[in-house]
Protein backbone atom coordinates (compact mmCIF):
# COMPACT_ATOMS: atom_id res chain seq x y z
CA MET A 1 -0.14 0.33 0.29
CA ASP A 2 1.07 3.58 -0.84
CA VAL A 3 2.04 6.46 1.67
CA LYS A 4 3.01 9.64 1.06
CA VAL A 5 4.87 11.59 3.73
CA ILE A 6 5.04 15.18 3.37
CA GLY A 7 7.56 17.09 5.12
CA ALA A 8 11.48 15.50 5.68
CA GLY A 9 12.43 16.79 9.17
CA VAL A 10 12.56 14.34 12.01
CA SER A 11 9.31 13.84 12.25
CA GLY A 12 8.62 12.86 8.17
CA LEU A 13 12.26 10.90 8.07
CA SER A 14 10.97 8.87 11.48
CA THR A 15 7.43 8.32 10.42
CA GLY A 16 8.76 7.32 6.84
CA ILE A 17 11.15 4.76 8.47
CA ARG A 18 8.54 3.20 10.55
CA LEU A 19 6.20 3.09 7.66
CA LEU A 20 8.42 1.46 5.48
CA GLU A 21 9.66 -1.13 8.80
CA SER A 22 5.82 -2.20 8.53
CA GLY A 23 5.48 -2.95 5.15
CA PHE A 24 3.79 0.00 3.39
CA ASN A 25 5.65 1.63 0.26
CA VAL A 26 6.58 5.30 1.28
CA THR A 27 7.60 8.24 -0.83
CA ILE A 28 8.38 11.65 1.14
CA ILE A 29 7.51 14.83 -0.54
CA THR A 30 9.48 17.64 0.55
CA ASP A 31 10.76 21.63 -0.26
CA LYS A 32 13.72 20.96 2.02
CA LEU A 33 16.00 18.18 3.00
CA SER A 34 19.03 18.05 5.69
CA PRO A 35 20.51 20.37 6.50
CA GLU A 36 18.04 22.83 5.61
CA THR A 37 14.87 21.77 7.61
CA VAL A 38 14.03 23.20 11.32
CA SER A 39 15.04 19.85 12.76
CA ASP A 40 19.25 20.51 11.80
CA THR A 41 19.01 23.64 14.38
CA ALA A 42 17.50 21.76 16.85
CA ALA A 43 19.83 21.37 20.28
CA ALA A 44 17.99 18.26 20.61
CA TRP A 45 18.71 16.87 24.29
CA TRP A 46 15.68 14.53 24.80
CA TYR A 47 13.06 16.40 26.62
CA PRO A 48 9.09 16.97 26.59
CA PHE A 49 9.38 20.52 25.64
CA LEU A 50 6.57 22.50 24.90
CA ALA A 51 3.97 19.77 23.59
CA GLU A 52 1.14 19.05 24.68
CA PRO A 53 -1.16 17.01 25.75
CA LEU A 54 0.48 15.84 28.44
CA GLU A 55 -1.05 12.28 28.67
CA LYS A 56 -0.21 11.39 25.32
CA THR A 57 3.40 13.36 25.07
CA ASN A 58 4.98 11.58 27.75
CA ARG A 59 4.19 8.41 26.58
CA TRP A 60 5.72 9.12 22.91
CA SER A 61 8.58 10.70 24.24
CA SER A 62 9.06 7.97 26.32
CA GLU A 63 8.79 5.50 23.41
CA THR A 64 11.14 8.00 21.94
CA PHE A 65 13.73 7.67 24.69
CA ASP A 66 13.89 3.81 24.44
CA GLU A 67 14.39 3.84 20.70
CA LEU A 68 17.32 6.24 20.86
CA ILE A 69 18.60 3.85 23.51
CA ARG A 70 18.08 0.84 20.73
CA LEU A 71 19.77 2.76 18.48
CA MET A 72 22.89 4.03 20.37
CA THR A 73 23.31 0.30 22.09
CA GLU A 74 22.35 -2.02 19.18
CA GLU A 75 22.79 -0.30 15.48
CA SER A 76 25.71 1.41 16.83
CA VAL A 77 24.17 4.86 15.99
CA GLU A 78 27.46 7.26 16.86
CA CYS A 79 25.78 10.69 17.29
CA ILE A 80 23.24 9.69 20.01
CA THR A 81 24.89 10.01 23.40
CA MET A 82 23.90 9.60 27.13
CA ARG A 83 24.64 12.50 29.02
CA LEU A 84 23.75 13.66 32.62
CA GLY A 85 21.88 16.61 32.93
CA ARG A 86 20.66 19.04 35.61
CA GLU A 87 17.70 20.66 35.57
CA TYR A 88 17.16 23.93 38.36
CA LEU A 89 13.76 25.12 39.70
CA VAL A 90 12.76 28.25 41.48
CA GLU A 91 9.88 26.25 43.74
CA GLU A 92 9.37 22.61 44.68
CA CYS A 93 7.65 20.47 42.31
CA GLU A 94 6.33 17.09 41.65
CA PRO A 95 8.43 15.11 39.60
CA PRO A 96 7.52 15.22 35.88
CA GLY A 97 5.02 12.15 34.97
CA TRP A 98 8.17 10.63 32.23
CA SER A 99 10.62 10.54 35.31
CA ASN A 100 9.67 6.57 36.44
CA ASP A 101 10.06 5.75 32.14
CA ILE A 102 13.72 6.90 32.10
CA HIS A 103 17.06 4.95 33.65
CA HIS A 104 18.21 7.76 35.82
CA PHE A 105 16.58 10.52 37.78
CA ARG A 106 17.41 11.94 41.00
CA ILE A 107 16.04 14.86 43.04
CA LEU A 108 19.05 17.13 43.80
CA GLU A 109 20.65 17.38 46.91
CA GLY A 110 20.72 21.21 48.39
CA SER A 111 24.46 21.59 48.23
CA GLU A 112 23.93 20.82 44.08
CA ILE A 113 21.51 23.60 43.19
CA VAL A 114 23.04 26.78 41.93
CA GLU A 115 22.35 30.35 43.24
CA GLY A 116 18.55 31.64 42.49
CA TYR A 117 17.25 27.88 42.65
CA SER A 118 15.72 26.11 45.60
CA PHE A 119 14.91 22.91 43.89
CA GLY A 120 16.21 20.59 40.90
CA TRP A 121 17.04 16.90 39.77
CA GLU A 122 19.44 15.15 37.79
CA ILE A 123 18.43 12.92 34.58
CA GLU A 124 20.22 11.15 32.02
CA ALA A 125 19.37 11.27 28.49
CA PRO A 126 20.52 11.34 25.14
CA VAL A 127 21.68 14.00 23.52
CA ILE A 128 21.28 13.83 19.58
CA GLU A 129 24.04 15.53 16.97
CA MET A 130 21.24 16.52 14.65
CA HIS A 131 23.96 17.73 11.71
CA LEU A 132 24.72 13.70 11.77
CA TYR A 133 21.48 12.54 12.87
CA MET A 134 19.42 13.78 9.97
CA PRO A 135 21.53 12.08 7.32
CA TRP A 136 21.59 9.08 9.08
CA LEU A 137 17.45 8.83 8.79
CA LYS A 138 17.75 10.06 5.53
CA SER A 139 20.33 7.11 4.68
CA ARG A 140 17.98 4.71 6.66
CA PHE A 141 14.47 5.44 4.73
CA GLU A 142 16.40 5.37 1.38
CA GLY A 143 17.96 2.22 2.22
CA LEU A 144 14.83 0.93 3.42
CA GLY A 145 13.22 1.08 -0.11
CA GLY A 146 11.74 4.93 0.54
CA ALA A 147 11.57 7.59 -2.29
CA ILE A 148 11.95 11.01 -1.87
CA GLU A 149 10.16 14.05 -4.48
CA ILE A 150 11.55 17.47 -4.29
CA ARG A 151 8.71 19.63 -4.39
CA GLU A 152 6.66 22.17 -3.01
CA VAL A 153 3.10 20.85 -1.94
CA GLY A 154 0.16 23.68 -2.27
CA ALA A 155 -2.39 21.76 -1.21
CA ILE A 156 -2.99 18.16 0.18
CA GLU A 157 -5.59 17.64 -2.63
CA ASP A 158 -2.61 18.09 -5.62
CA ILE A 159 -1.02 14.62 -3.79
CA GLU A 160 -1.93 11.66 -5.89
CA GLY A 161 -2.76 8.79 -3.66
CA GLY A 162 -5.39 7.63 -0.77
CA ILE A 163 -3.21 8.10 2.25
CA VAL A 164 -1.07 11.34 2.98
CA VAL A 165 0.76 11.81 6.31
CA ASN A 166 1.33 15.51 7.00
CA CYS A 167 4.81 16.14 8.67
CA THR A 168 5.19 19.62 7.55
CA GLY A 169 5.84 21.77 11.28
CA ILE A 170 5.38 24.97 10.66
CA GLY A 171 4.25 24.50 7.07
CA ALA A 172 0.84 23.33 8.35
CA ARG A 173 0.22 26.68 9.43
CA GLU A 174 -0.69 27.48 5.73
CA LEU A 175 -1.16 24.25 4.49
CA CYS A 176 -3.89 23.27 6.55
CA ASP A 177 -4.90 26.95 7.44
CA ASP A 178 -3.94 26.21 10.81
CA ASP A 179 -3.79 29.19 12.44
CA SER A 180 -2.94 27.67 15.92
CA VAL A 181 0.73 26.83 14.78
CA ILE A 182 3.03 29.68 15.77
CA PRO A 183 6.86 29.83 15.60
CA VAL A 184 8.78 30.07 18.87
CA ARG A 185 12.24 31.30 17.54
CA GLY A 186 15.06 29.66 19.44
CA GLN A 187 18.93 31.08 19.03
CA ILE A 188 21.78 28.86 19.88
CA ILE A 189 25.43 29.47 20.48
CA TYR A 190 27.97 26.89 19.80
CA ILE A 191 31.12 26.35 21.84
CA GLU A 192 34.09 24.39 21.85
CA GLN A 193 33.83 23.65 25.90
CA ASP A 194 32.51 20.78 28.38
CA PRO A 195 30.85 21.70 31.10
CA GLY A 196 30.95 17.96 32.45
CA PHE A 197 27.33 17.88 32.53
CA GLY A 198 24.40 19.84 31.22
CA ARG A 199 22.72 22.66 32.95
CA PHE A 200 19.12 23.61 32.39
CA ASP A 201 16.43 26.08 33.35
CA GLN A 202 13.38 24.82 31.01
CA GLN A 203 10.99 27.53 31.74
CA PRO A 204 9.65 29.34 28.40
CA GLU A 205 10.06 32.93 29.80
CA THR A 206 13.65 31.90 31.24
CA LEU A 207 14.94 29.49 29.35
CA THR A 208 18.62 27.97 29.47
CA TYR A 209 20.67 25.41 28.98
CA THR A 210 23.88 23.82 28.04
CA ILE A 211 23.85 20.41 26.30
CA PRO A 212 27.38 18.82 25.65
CA ARG A 213 28.09 17.10 22.32
CA ARG A 214 31.02 15.37 21.30
CA ASP A 215 32.37 18.27 19.77
CA VAL A 216 30.79 21.08 20.72
CA THR A 217 28.53 22.15 23.81
CA VAL A 218 25.31 23.82 22.47
CA LEU A 219 23.96 27.03 25.03
CA GLY A 220 20.42 28.40 24.56
CA GLY A 221 17.99 30.31 24.58
CA THR A 222 15.41 31.83 23.59
CA ALA A 223 11.16 30.90 23.42
CA GLN A 224 10.09 33.60 21.54
CA LYS A 225 6.60 33.08 20.23
CA GLY A 226 5.45 34.54 16.73
CA ASP A 227 8.70 35.77 16.04
CA TRP A 228 10.25 34.59 12.25
CA GLU A 229 13.47 35.95 12.56
CA LEU A 230 16.31 33.95 11.32
CA GLY A 231 19.05 35.98 11.66
CA VAL A 232 20.90 35.72 14.60
CA ARG A 233 20.49 38.64 17.14
CA GLU A 234 23.43 40.47 19.24
CA GLU A 235 20.92 41.30 21.87
CA ASP A 236 19.58 37.59 22.08
CA THR A 237 23.46 36.46 21.92
CA GLU A 238 24.53 38.42 25.03
CA TYR A 239 21.12 37.43 26.63
CA ILE A 240 22.18 33.54 26.27
CA LEU A 241 25.37 33.70 27.40
CA GLY A 242 24.73 35.90 30.49
CA LYS A 243 21.86 32.79 31.64
CA CYS A 244 24.28 29.82 30.61
CA GLU A 245 27.26 31.97 32.82
CA ALA A 246 24.66 31.82 35.51
CA LEU A 247 24.68 28.35 35.81
CA TRP A 248 28.08 27.41 33.85
CA PRO A 249 30.72 30.21 35.77
CA GLU A 250 33.33 28.73 34.02
CA LEU A 251 32.31 29.22 30.37
CA ASP A 252 34.62 30.86 28.00
CA ARG A 253 33.33 32.98 25.79
CA SER A 254 36.59 32.81 23.72
CA LYS A 255 36.10 29.45 22.84
CA ILE A 256 32.49 30.43 20.50
CA VAL A 257 32.75 28.68 17.27
CA GLY A 258 29.15 29.55 15.58
CA MET A 259 25.33 30.34 16.15
CA GLY A 260 22.05 29.43 15.02
CA VAL A 261 18.06 29.84 14.90
CA GLY A 262 15.26 27.96 14.39
CA LEU A 263 11.84 28.20 14.45
CA ARG A 264 9.79 25.43 16.74
CA PRO A 265 6.73 24.34 15.15
CA SER A 266 4.41 25.37 17.92
CA ARG A 267 0.91 24.75 18.94
CA TYR A 268 -1.69 23.89 21.91
CA GLU A 269 -1.25 20.28 21.75
CA VAL A 270 0.24 18.54 18.83
CA ARG A 271 -2.00 17.19 16.22
CA LEU A 272 -1.86 13.61 15.58
CA GLU A 273 -5.06 12.94 14.11
CA SER A 274 -6.83 11.28 10.90
CA GLU A 275 -9.28 13.15 8.49
CA LYS A 276 -10.72 12.65 5.38
CA ILE A 277 -9.96 15.21 2.85
CA GLY A 278 -11.76 14.66 -0.49
CA ASP A 279 -10.86 10.55 -1.16
CA ARG A 280 -7.63 10.68 0.86
CA LEU A 281 -6.89 9.06 4.01
CA VAL A 282 -4.90 12.10 5.82
CA ILE A 283 -3.06 11.51 8.85
CA HIS A 284 -1.69 14.63 10.97
CA ASN A 285 1.67 14.89 12.58
CA TYR A 286 2.70 18.23 13.57
CA GLY A 287 2.76 20.56 16.08
CA HIS A 288 5.60 19.08 18.35
CA GLY A 289 6.70 22.46 19.54
CA GLY A 290 10.44 22.29 21.36
CA ALA A 291 9.96 18.45 21.00
CA GLY A 292 10.53 16.64 17.93
CA VAL A 293 13.09 14.87 18.34
CA THR A 294 11.83 13.89 21.78
CA LEU A 295 8.80 12.73 20.36
CA SER A 296 9.33 11.76 17.23
CA TRP A 297 9.44 8.03 17.39
CA GLY A 298 6.56 7.60 19.46
CA CYS A 299 4.79 9.28 17.29
CA ALA A 300 5.91 7.72 14.27
CA ASP A 301 4.71 4.40 15.99
CA GLU A 302 1.49 6.03 16.62
CA VAL A 303 0.71 7.05 12.47
CA VAL A 304 1.37 3.32 11.93
CA SER A 305 -0.84 2.03 14.42
CA MET A 306 -3.62 4.40 13.25
CA LEU A 307 -2.75 3.08 9.40
CA LYS A 308 -3.17 -0.56 10.69
CA SER A 309 -6.29 -0.05 12.35
CA VAL A 310 -7.90 1.20 9.32
CA CYS A 311 -6.33 -0.47 6.46
């Protein structure tokens, strides 16, 4: 059975791979490939950020966690590594719903909490190097027999075939006339310095992170709703560095090697549902916010389950 997937970001490629593994014939239609997708600029620390509804995103993120571990350990995907990270919070709260689903989670001791915060936890989670992971996904997709067409899609009705999976991210705002999809601008900095463990403040209004990869550490960030600017802003650079230095005083600005900007495809909740458009069955899989990588495999599995239930 033939399936057309619109979009070749992390969601589109992961979904395409799962469909191929399940016996479907899959063609991805996209106007952008890596390194031109939003996914390529993702800081890509596994963490369910800006993604609702929690009862579903917690499950999808946990399923993705397990798959990333499997890819790292069983398939030796080198661009996935496990790193420790500490999240700091101003007030004490209940642990997140996914805390029991990961291998390492503990509440921080008082002596481990940085000034300005009163609570926090430590986790060990995958860090994904997207400039390597995206080409790996594309290679896996094509190796399984998937095809890719490079072209723009003006309307879902223009796509031939009876089954379409919509993984267009921010593009769904126009393609589906969905005004609830808005950009949340993220600016990041790359630095050749390892903090030892990641440091995080994941509240959107004070968002701060230092995500250690093998080659560089990714510093962030911003979460600017409705902001379409793709250029680097000097004032945001200073803002990010100031926040990161508060969590990581040893940060050495002379080791900065690059910067980037991406637009998270935010929505009040992930849209993962089916509808009929003309004579086509369409499954929408977009609106993952700042958790596209974190939700990718869980949502892909959900798409396959939905298709199997009707085909």
